[in-house]
Amino acid sequence: MKKQLTAERRQEIAQLLLRNGNLKASDLAQRFEVSTETIRKDLIYLEEQGIAKKSYGGVIASSDLLERPVALKEMEHMDIKTSIANRALELIPEQGIILLDAGSTTYALAKLLTLRNDLTIFTNSIPILNLLADSGNQLFALGGRVRGSSKGIVGAWTLQALHSIHVDAAFLGCDGFKDLTGPSTASYEESEFKQAVLSCSSRTIILSDNSKFLSNSLFQFCRWDQIYAFVTNMAGTENFQDRIKKIQDCTRILYS
């Protein structure tokens, strides 16, 4: 491997951290063919920039790096998310009672629901509330504290509201599941929310494009065998056959 400039190496470490969630200093030293002391200085720099947090023997991604603003996510892979949303639409019964999580792929599903007028919809997403407020559906906001990055409503009030309802189907997003036994999210409070949704839904469905096969996040909120279905896109899935099989052993996968 040719010698890299310090800035180039640090940029690549940041990209690896975004993809993997955590890294070991010894592995980085071997990868870049530099000393562990050099890597230690790189990690201190990334921590000062708010990108990473040092941990024993390595580094983990900061929550700001792991969790990008929902407005930015909405602009990425828009055609794929629309395709996934169309597939998820098949799981919504007529006159159904459903719940939509805060997230860019659930927002894509909400766009399709502006054409419906027969549903009862619960959501903790400010963007989805704004989008569906003028639709013909009956819309309920789950109250609580608004998180700036996701525009999702979380906290004790939200959990209390979830304990008082039951829905036919709930649609949740996630931030990755590369080395996990189920989907994960970057926020502990949103993890709590998603866990509570499992208890108040007859069917819980995860919506995610297949880029999430390559990443992890901090908090796994359920196992694959706890959900009804996982809806994703087909393209590129030949690269993830082992992981797909593990998921298929636990739940159904629906391709857009």
C-alpha atoms as a PDB file:
ATOM      1  CA  MET A   1       0.000   0.000   0.000  1.00  0.00           C
ATOM      2  CA  LYS A   2       1.478   3.361  -1.011  1.00  0.00           C
ATOM      3  CA  LYS A   3       2.048   5.949   1.673  1.00  0.00           C
ATOM      4  CA  GLN A   4      -0.937   8.210   2.235  1.00  0.00           C
ATOM      5  CA  LEU A   5      -1.099  11.802   3.310  1.00  0.00           C
ATOM      6  CA  THR A   6      -2.304  12.213   6.886  1.00  0.00           C
ATOM      7  CA  ALA A   7      -5.492  13.996   5.755  1.00  0.00           C
ATOM      8  CA  GLU A   8      -6.315  11.225   3.270  1.00  0.00           C
ATOM      9  CA  ARG A   9      -5.808   8.516   5.894  1.00  0.00           C
ATOM     10  CA  ARG A  10      -7.996  10.315   8.423  1.00  0.00           C
ATOM     11  CA  GLN A  11     -10.725  10.788   5.830  1.00  0.00           C
ATOM     12  CA  GLU A  12     -10.666   7.061   5.019  1.00  0.00           C
ATOM     13  CA  ILE A  13     -10.779   6.184   8.740  1.00  0.00           C
ATOM     14  CA  ALA A  14     -13.858   8.407   9.114  1.00  0.00           C
ATOM     15  CA  GLN A  15     -15.524   6.616   6.188  1.00  0.00           C
ATOM     16  CA  LEU A  16     -14.707   3.208   7.682  1.00  0.00           C
ATOM     17  CA  LEU A  17     -16.119   4.370  11.000  1.00  0.00           C
ATOM     18  CA  LEU A  18     -19.345   5.495   9.355  1.00  0.00           C
ATOM     19  CA  ARG A  19     -19.698   2.118   7.674  1.00  0.00           C
ATOM     20  CA  ASN A  20     -18.735  -0.106  10.622  1.00  0.00           C
ATOM     21  CA  GLY A  21     -19.649   1.879  13.730  1.00  0.00           C
ATOM     22  CA  ASN A  22     -16.471   0.887  15.603  1.00  0.00           C
ATOM     23  CA  LEU A  23     -12.828   0.148  14.788  1.00  0.00           C
ATOM     24  CA  LYS A  24      -9.752  -1.267  16.547  1.00  0.00           C
ATOM     25  CA  ALA A  25      -6.539   0.743  16.560  1.00  0.00           C
ATOM     26  CA  SER A  26      -4.435  -2.366  15.890  1.00  0.00           C
ATOM     27  CA  ASP A  27      -6.526  -3.245  12.818  1.00  0.00           C
ATOM     28  CA  LEU A  28      -6.192   0.305  11.502  1.00  0.00           C
ATOM     29  CA  ALA A  29      -2.427   0.287  12.016  1.00  0.00           C
ATOM     30  CA  GLN A  30      -2.156  -2.941  10.028  1.00  0.00           C
ATOM     31  CA  ARG A  31      -4.502  -1.699   7.294  1.00  0.00           C
ATOM     32  CA  PHE A  32      -2.629   1.574   6.729  1.00  0.00           C
ATOM     33  CA  GLU A  33       0.840   0.159   7.483  1.00  0.00           C
ATOM     34  CA  VAL A  34       1.599   2.765  10.138  1.00  0.00           C
ATOM     35  CA  SER A  35       2.360   2.600  13.843  1.00  0.00           C
ATOM     36  CA  THR A  36      -0.338   2.395  16.492  1.00  0.00           C
ATOM     37  CA  GLU A  37       0.976   5.720  17.797  1.00  0.00           C
ATOM     38  CA  THR A  38       0.193   7.312  14.428  1.00  0.00           C
ATOM     39  CA  ILE A  39      -3.303   5.826  14.513  1.00  0.00           C
ATOM     40  CA  ARG A  40      -3.740   7.073  18.080  1.00  0.00           C
ATOM     41  CA  LYS A  41      -3.021  10.618  16.874  1.00  0.00           C
ATOM     42  CA  ASP A  42      -5.500  10.147  14.022  1.00  0.00           C
ATOM     43  CA  LEU A  43      -8.195   9.029  16.469  1.00  0.00           C
ATOM     44  CA  ILE A  44      -7.507  11.974  18.787  1.00  0.00           C
ATOM     45  CA  TYR A  45      -7.920  14.292  15.809  1.00  0.00           C
ATOM     46  CA  LEU A  46     -11.202  12.656  14.772  1.00  0.00           C
ATOM     47  CA  GLU A  47     -12.471  12.888  18.340  1.00  0.00           C
ATOM     48  CA  GLU A  48     -11.637  16.600  18.408  1.00  0.00           C
ATOM     49  CA  GLN A  49     -13.642  16.998  15.197  1.00  0.00           C
ATOM     50  CA  GLY A  50     -16.668  15.331  16.791  1.00  0.00           C
ATOM     51  CA  ILE A  51     -16.461  12.351  14.441  1.00  0.00           C
ATOM     52  CA  ALA A  52     -15.304   9.662  16.857  1.00  0.00           C
ATOM     53  CA  LYS A  53     -15.175   8.712  20.517  1.00  0.00           C
ATOM     54  CA  LYS A  54     -12.229   6.751  21.870  1.00  0.00           C
ATOM     55  CA  SER A  55     -12.955   3.393  23.445  1.00  0.00           C
ATOM     56  CA  TYR A  56     -10.760   0.678  24.913  1.00  0.00           C
ATOM     57  CA  GLY A  57      -8.383  -0.414  22.162  1.00  0.00           C
ATOM     58  CA  GLY A  58     -10.045   1.616  19.469  1.00  0.00           C
ATOM     59  CA  VAL A  59     -12.792   4.043  18.610  1.00  0.00           C
ATOM     60  CA  ILE A  60     -16.567   4.212  18.088  1.00  0.00           C
ATOM     61  CA  ALA A  61     -18.478   6.597  15.857  1.00  0.00           C
ATOM     62  CA  SER A  62     -20.063   9.580  17.522  1.00  0.00           C
ATOM     63  CA  SER A  63     -23.849   9.786  17.381  1.00  0.00           C
ATOM     64  CA  ASP A  64     -23.535  12.804  15.069  1.00  0.00           C
ATOM     65  CA  LEU A  65     -21.641  10.714  12.535  1.00  0.00           C
ATOM     66  CA  LEU A  66     -23.903   7.693  12.800  1.00  0.00           C
ATOM     67  CA  GLU A  67     -27.131   9.609  12.628  1.00  0.00           C
ATOM     68  CA  ARG A  68     -27.385  12.026   9.733  1.00  0.00           C
ATOM     69  CA  PRO A  69     -30.296  14.477   9.577  1.00  0.00           C
ATOM     70  CA  VAL A  70     -33.476  12.997   8.129  1.00  0.00           C
ATOM     71  CA  ALA A  71     -33.674  15.789   5.543  1.00  0.00           C
ATOM     72  CA  LEU A  72     -30.337  14.582   4.131  1.00  0.00           C
ATOM     73  CA  LYS A  73     -31.442  10.945   4.170  1.00  0.00           C
ATOM     74  CA  GLU A  74     -34.617  11.815   2.259  1.00  0.00           C
ATOM     75  CA  MET A  75     -32.492  12.977  -0.672  1.00  0.00           C
ATOM     76  CA  GLU A  76     -30.559   9.697  -0.900  1.00  0.00           C
ATOM     77  CA  HIS A  77     -31.704   6.665  -2.943  1.00  0.00           C
ATOM     78  CA  MET A  78     -35.120   8.265  -3.479  1.00  0.00           C
ATOM     79  CA  ASP A  79     -36.102   5.874  -6.291  1.00  0.00           C
ATOM     80  CA  ILE A  80     -35.144   2.841  -4.182  1.00  0.00           C
ATOM     81  CA  LYS A  81     -37.083   4.084  -1.161  1.00  0.00           C
ATOM     82  CA  THR A  82     -40.143   4.723  -3.327  1.00  0.00           C
ATOM     83  CA  SER A  83     -39.886   1.178  -4.692  1.00  0.00           C
ATOM     84  CA  ILE A  84     -39.649  -0.252  -1.157  1.00  0.00           C
ATOM     85  CA  ALA A  85     -42.619   1.874  -0.097  1.00  0.00           C
ATOM     86  CA  ASN A  86     -44.712   0.529  -2.975  1.00  0.00           C
ATOM     87  CA  ARG A  87     -43.931  -3.023  -1.869  1.00  0.00           C
ATOM     88  CA  ALA A  88     -44.788  -2.172   1.741  1.00  0.00           C
ATOM     89  CA  LEU A  89     -48.083  -0.696   0.591  1.00  0.00           C
ATOM     90  CA  GLU A  90     -49.251  -4.236  -0.175  1.00  0.00           C
ATOM     91  CA  LEU A  91     -49.096  -5.027   3.558  1.00  0.00           C
ATOM     92  CA  ILE A  92     -51.575  -2.317   4.559  1.00  0.00           C
ATOM     93  CA  PRO A  93     -55.159  -3.597   4.789  1.00  0.00           C
ATOM     94  CA  GLU A  94     -58.203  -1.577   3.789  1.00  0.00           C
ATOM     95  CA  GLN A  95     -59.472   0.511   6.720  1.00  0.00           C
ATOM     96  CA  GLY A  96     -56.347  -0.570   8.580  1.00  0.00           C
ATOM     97  CA  ILE A  97     -54.832   0.909  11.709  1.00  0.00           C
ATOM     98  CA  ILE A  98     -51.121   1.467  11.173  1.00  0.00           C
ATOM     99  CA  LEU A  99     -48.086   3.138  12.731  1.00  0.00           C
ATOM    100  CA  LEU A 100     -45.297   4.901  10.843  1.00  0.00           C
ATOM    101  CA  ASP A 101     -41.899   5.388  12.469  1.00  0.00           C
ATOM    102  CA  ALA A 102     -39.764   8.503  11.931  1.00  0.00           C
ATOM    103  CA  GLY A 103     -37.409   7.959   8.992  1.00  0.00           C
ATOM    104  CA  SER A 104     -36.784   8.621   5.321  1.00  0.00           C
ATOM    105  CA  THR A 105     -38.138   5.288   3.998  1.00  0.00           C
ATOM    106  CA  THR A 106     -41.280   5.466   6.132  1.00  0.00           C
ATOM    107  CA  TYR A 107     -41.682   9.018   4.819  1.00  0.00           C
ATOM    108  CA  ALA A 108     -41.630   7.586   1.286  1.00  0.00           C
ATOM    109  CA  LEU A 109     -44.454   5.251   2.335  1.00  0.00           C
ATOM    110  CA  ALA A 110     -46.366   8.169   3.850  1.00  0.00           C
ATOM    111  CA  LYS A 111     -46.235   9.942   0.478  1.00  0.00           C
ATOM    112  CA  LEU A 112     -48.152   7.049  -1.064  1.00  0.00           C
ATOM    113  CA  LEU A 113     -50.718   7.187   1.745  1.00  0.00           C
ATOM    114  CA  THR A 114     -51.738  10.720   0.772  1.00  0.00           C
ATOM    115  CA  LEU A 115     -53.829   8.946  -1.871  1.00  0.00           C
ATOM    116  CA  ARG A 116     -55.695   6.879   0.741  1.00  0.00           C
ATOM    117  CA  ASN A 117     -58.641   8.017   2.855  1.00  0.00           C
ATOM    118  CA  ASP A 118     -59.557   4.862   4.760  1.00  0.00           C
ATOM    119  CA  LEU A 119     -56.722   4.500   7.274  1.00  0.00           C
ATOM    120  CA  THR A 120     -56.098   5.330  10.912  1.00  0.00           C
ATOM    121  CA  ILE A 121     -52.447   6.358  11.174  1.00  0.00           C
ATOM    122  CA  PHE A 122     -50.305   6.865  14.274  1.00  0.00           C
ATOM    123  CA  THR A 123     -46.861   8.416  13.903  1.00  0.00           C
ATOM    124  CA  ASN A 124     -44.046   9.985  15.899  1.00  0.00           C
ATOM    125  CA  SER A 125     -42.654  11.765  12.817  1.00  0.00           C
ATOM    126  CA  ILE A 126     -43.073  15.524  12.428  1.00  0.00           C
ATOM    127  CA  PRO A 127     -42.496  15.392   8.622  1.00  0.00           C
ATOM    128  CA  ILE A 128     -45.092  12.621   8.236  1.00  0.00           C
ATOM    129  CA  LEU A 129     -47.587  14.542  10.363  1.00  0.00           C
ATOM    130  CA  ASN A 130     -47.146  17.580   8.122  1.00  0.00           C
ATOM    131  CA  LEU A 131     -47.429  15.469   4.991  1.00  0.00           C
ATOM    132  CA  LEU A 132     -50.600  13.596   5.984  1.00  0.00           C
ATOM    133  CA  ALA A 133     -52.389  16.371   7.888  1.00  0.00           C
ATOM    134  CA  ASP A 134     -54.552  17.239   4.879  1.00  0.00           C
ATOM    135  CA  SER A 135     -55.159  13.672   3.695  1.00  0.00           C
ATOM    136  CA  GLY A 136     -58.452  11.872   4.151  1.00  0.00           C
ATOM    137  CA  ASN A 137     -56.966   9.510   6.706  1.00  0.00           C
ATOM    138  CA  GLN A 138     -57.486   9.778  10.459  1.00  0.00           C
ATOM    139  CA  LEU A 139     -54.149  10.929  11.833  1.00  0.00           C
ATOM    140  CA  PHE A 140     -52.813  10.738  15.408  1.00  0.00           C
ATOM    141  CA  ALA A 141     -49.609  12.327  16.715  1.00  0.00           C
ATOM    142  CA  LEU A 142     -47.690  10.477  19.414  1.00  0.00           C
ATOM    143  CA  GLY A 143     -46.659  13.249  21.804  1.00  0.00           C
ATOM    144  CA  GLY A 144     -43.317  13.789  23.491  1.00  0.00           C
ATOM    145  CA  ARG A 145     -39.953  15.435  22.904  1.00  0.00           C
ATOM    146  CA  VAL A 146     -38.874  16.179  19.327  1.00  0.00           C
ATOM    147  CA  ARG A 147     -35.374  15.045  18.332  1.00  0.00           C
ATOM    148  CA  GLY A 148     -33.765  17.518  15.950  1.00  0.00           C
ATOM    149  CA  SER A 149     -31.806  15.077  13.804  1.00  0.00           C
ATOM    150  CA  SER A 150     -34.643  12.667  13.004  1.00  0.00           C
ATOM    151  CA  LYS A 151     -37.632  14.967  13.629  1.00  0.00           C
ATOM    152  CA  GLY A 152     -38.975  12.011  15.613  1.00  0.00           C
ATOM    153  CA  ILE A 153     -40.984  12.324  18.832  1.00  0.00           C
ATOM    154  CA  VAL A 154     -39.595  10.259  21.714  1.00  0.00           C
ATOM    155  CA  GLY A 155     -39.577   9.935  25.485  1.00  0.00           C
ATOM    156  CA  ALA A 156     -41.841   8.845  28.328  1.00  0.00           C
ATOM    157  CA  TRP A 157     -44.998  10.500  26.955  1.00  0.00           C
ATOM    158  CA  THR A 158     -44.530   8.725  23.642  1.00  0.00           C
ATOM    159  CA  LEU A 159     -44.048   5.350  25.299  1.00  0.00           C
ATOM    160  CA  GLN A 160     -47.114   5.913  27.472  1.00  0.00           C
ATOM    161  CA  ALA A 161     -49.181   6.604  24.356  1.00  0.00           C
ATOM    162  CA  LEU A 162     -47.937   3.416  22.698  1.00  0.00           C
ATOM    163  CA  HIS A 163     -49.062   1.378  25.710  1.00  0.00           C
ATOM    164  CA  SER A 164     -52.628   2.605  25.161  1.00  0.00           C
ATOM    165  CA  ILE A 165     -53.021   1.621  21.477  1.00  0.00           C
ATOM    166  CA  HIS A 166     -52.879  -1.442  19.227  1.00  0.00           C
ATOM    167  CA  VAL A 167     -52.267  -1.305  15.475  1.00  0.00           C
ATOM    168  CA  ASP A 168     -52.650  -3.801  12.655  1.00  0.00           C
ATOM    169  CA  ALA A 169     -49.218  -3.039  11.206  1.00  0.00           C
ATOM    170  CA  ALA A 170     -46.223  -0.906  12.171  1.00  0.00           C
ATOM    171  CA  PHE A 171     -43.529   0.189   9.743  1.00  0.00           C
ATOM    172  CA  LEU A 172     -40.083   0.914  11.196  1.00  0.00           C
ATOM    173  CA  GLY A 173     -36.832   2.123   9.676  1.00  0.00           C
ATOM    174  CA  CYS A 174     -33.326   1.199  10.827  1.00  0.00           C
ATOM    175  CA  ASP A 175     -29.697   2.313  10.537  1.00  0.00           C
ATOM    176  CA  GLY A 176     -28.025  -1.036   9.863  1.00  0.00           C
ATOM    177  CA  PHE A 177     -27.513  -4.673  10.883  1.00  0.00           C
ATOM    178  CA  LYS A 178     -24.185  -5.793   9.403  1.00  0.00           C
ATOM    179  CA  ASP A 179     -22.891  -7.854  12.345  1.00  0.00           C
ATOM    180  CA  LEU A 180     -26.080  -8.004  14.400  1.00  0.00           C
ATOM    181  CA  THR A 181     -28.966 -10.428  14.896  1.00  0.00           C
ATOM    182  CA  GLY A 182     -31.502  -7.718  14.132  1.00  0.00           C
ATOM    183  CA  PRO A 183     -31.926  -4.088  13.048  1.00  0.00           C
ATOM    184  CA  SER A 184     -30.371  -1.201  14.978  1.00  0.00           C
ATOM    185  CA  THR A 185     -30.607   2.555  15.423  1.00  0.00           C
ATOM    186  CA  ALA A 186     -28.209   5.314  16.521  1.00  0.00           C
ATOM    187  CA  SER A 187     -30.475   6.740  19.236  1.00  0.00           C
ATOM    188  CA  TYR A 188     -31.249   5.033  22.532  1.00  0.00           C
ATOM    189  CA  GLU A 189     -34.580   6.892  22.827  1.00  0.00           C
ATOM    190  CA  GLU A 190     -35.647   5.839  19.342  1.00  0.00           C
ATOM    191  CA  SER A 191     -34.573   2.306  20.179  1.00  0.00           C
ATOM    192  CA  GLU A 192     -36.915   2.431  23.182  1.00  0.00           C
ATOM    193  CA  PHE A 193     -39.695   3.667  20.918  1.00  0.00           C
ATOM    194  CA  LYS A 194     -39.200   0.883  18.381  1.00  0.00           C
ATOM    195  CA  GLN A 195     -39.098  -1.764  21.115  1.00  0.00           C
ATOM    196  CA  ALA A 196     -42.399  -0.484  22.506  1.00  0.00           C
ATOM    197  CA  VAL A 197     -43.934  -0.606  19.018  1.00  0.00           C
ATOM    198  CA  LEU A 198     -43.289  -4.358  18.890  1.00  0.00           C
ATOM    199  CA  SER A 199     -45.672  -4.826  21.826  1.00  0.00           C
ATOM    200  CA  CYS A 200     -48.521  -2.784  20.356  1.00  0.00           C
ATOM    201  CA  SER A 201     -48.499  -4.095  16.790  1.00  0.00           C
ATOM    202  CA  SER A 202     -49.936  -7.276  15.286  1.00  0.00           C
ATOM    203  CA  ARG A 203     -47.332  -7.086  12.522  1.00  0.00           C
ATOM    204  CA  THR A 204     -44.078  -5.144  12.638  1.00  0.00           C
ATOM    205  CA  ILE A 205     -42.344  -4.541   9.303  1.00  0.00           C
ATOM    206  CA  ILE A 206     -38.806  -3.212   8.806  1.00  0.00           C
ATOM    207  CA  LEU A 207     -38.224  -1.003   5.739  1.00  0.00           C
ATOM    208  CA  SER A 208     -34.619  -0.580   4.599  1.00  0.00           C
ATOM    209  CA  ASP A 209     -32.592  -0.290   1.415  1.00  0.00           C
ATOM    210  CA  ASN A 210     -29.827  -2.853   1.056  1.00  0.00           C
ATOM    211  CA  SER A 211     -27.029  -0.392   1.925  1.00  0.00           C
ATOM    212  CA  LYS A 212     -27.889  -1.196   5.556  1.00  0.00           C
ATOM    213  CA  PHE A 213     -26.362  -4.658   5.039  1.00  0.00           C
ATOM    214  CA  LEU A 214     -23.003  -2.850   5.179  1.00  0.00           C
ATOM    215  CA  SER A 215     -23.436  -0.846   8.380  1.00  0.00           C
ATOM    216  CA  ASN A 216     -24.171  -1.176  12.074  1.00  0.00           C
ATOM    217  CA  SER A 217     -25.483   1.292  14.593  1.00  0.00           C
ATOM    218  CA  LEU A 218     -25.292   1.536  18.369  1.00  0.00           C
ATOM    219  CA  PHE A 219     -28.570   0.042  19.611  1.00  0.00           C
ATOM    220  CA  GLN A 220     -30.170  -3.157  18.313  1.00  0.00           C
ATOM    221  CA  PHE A 221     -33.873  -2.838  19.048  1.00  0.00           C
ATOM    222  CA  CYS A 222     -35.157  -6.322  18.178  1.00  0.00           C
ATOM    223  CA  ARG A 223     -34.274  -9.700  16.665  1.00  0.00           C
ATOM    224  CA  TRP A 224     -35.302 -10.701  13.162  1.00  0.00           C
ATOM    225  CA  ASP A 225     -37.619 -13.388  14.553  1.00  0.00           C
ATOM    226  CA  GLN A 226     -39.640 -10.672  16.321  1.00  0.00           C
ATOM    227  CA  ILE A 227     -40.795  -9.003  13.113  1.00  0.00           C
ATOM    228  CA  TYR A 228     -43.352  -9.993  10.488  1.00  0.00           C
ATOM    229  CA  ALA A 229     -41.363  -8.988   7.400  1.00  0.00           C
ATOM    230  CA  PHE A 230     -38.300  -7.168   6.129  1.00  0.00           C
ATOM    231  CA  VAL A 231     -38.832  -5.127   2.941  1.00  0.00           C
ATOM    232  CA  THR A 232     -35.737  -4.202   0.922  1.00  0.00           C
ATOM    233  CA  ASN A 233     -34.528  -3.799  -2.656  1.00  0.00           C
ATOM    234  CA  MET A 234     -33.219  -6.674  -4.729  1.00  0.00           C
ATOM    235  CA  ALA A 235     -30.313  -4.960  -6.514  1.00  0.00           C
ATOM    236  CA  GLY A 236     -26.906  -6.035  -5.246  1.00  0.00           C
ATOM    237  CA  THR A 237     -28.231  -8.657  -2.857  1.00  0.00           C
ATOM    238  CA  GLU A 238     -25.957 -11.291  -4.410  1.00  0.00           C
ATOM    239  CA  ASN A 239     -23.204  -9.709  -2.289  1.00  0.00           C
ATOM    240  CA  PHE A 240     -25.058 -10.471   0.941  1.00  0.00           C
ATOM    241  CA  GLN A 241     -26.216 -14.058   0.514  1.00  0.00           C
ATOM    242  CA  ASP A 242     -24.961 -15.277   3.901  1.00  0.00           C
ATOM    243  CA  ARG A 243     -26.657 -12.414   5.738  1.00  0.00           C
ATOM    244  CA  ILE A 244     -29.843 -12.788   3.708  1.00  0.00           C
ATOM    245  CA  LYS A 245     -30.035 -16.471   4.625  1.00  0.00           C
ATOM    246  CA  LYS A 246     -29.685 -15.658   8.334  1.00  0.00           C
ATOM    247  CA  ILE A 247     -32.557 -13.191   8.077  1.00  0.00           C
ATOM    248  CA  GLN A 248     -34.681 -15.578   6.009  1.00  0.00           C
ATOM    249  CA  ASP A 249     -34.240 -18.239   8.678  1.00  0.00           C
ATOM    250  CA  CYS A 250     -36.036 -15.876  11.081  1.00  0.00           C
ATOM    251  CA  THR A 251     -38.565 -13.920   9.039  1.00  0.00           C
ATOM    252  CA  ARG A 252     -39.804 -13.279   5.498  1.00  0.00           C
ATOM    253  CA  ILE A 253     -37.932 -10.950   3.153  1.00  0.00           C
ATOM    254  CA  LEU A 254     -39.972  -9.036   0.586  1.00  0.00           C
ATOM    255  CA  TYR A 255     -38.107  -7.507  -2.344  1.00  0.00           C
ATOM    256  CA  SER A 256     -39.200  -4.340  -4.120  1.00  0.00           C
END
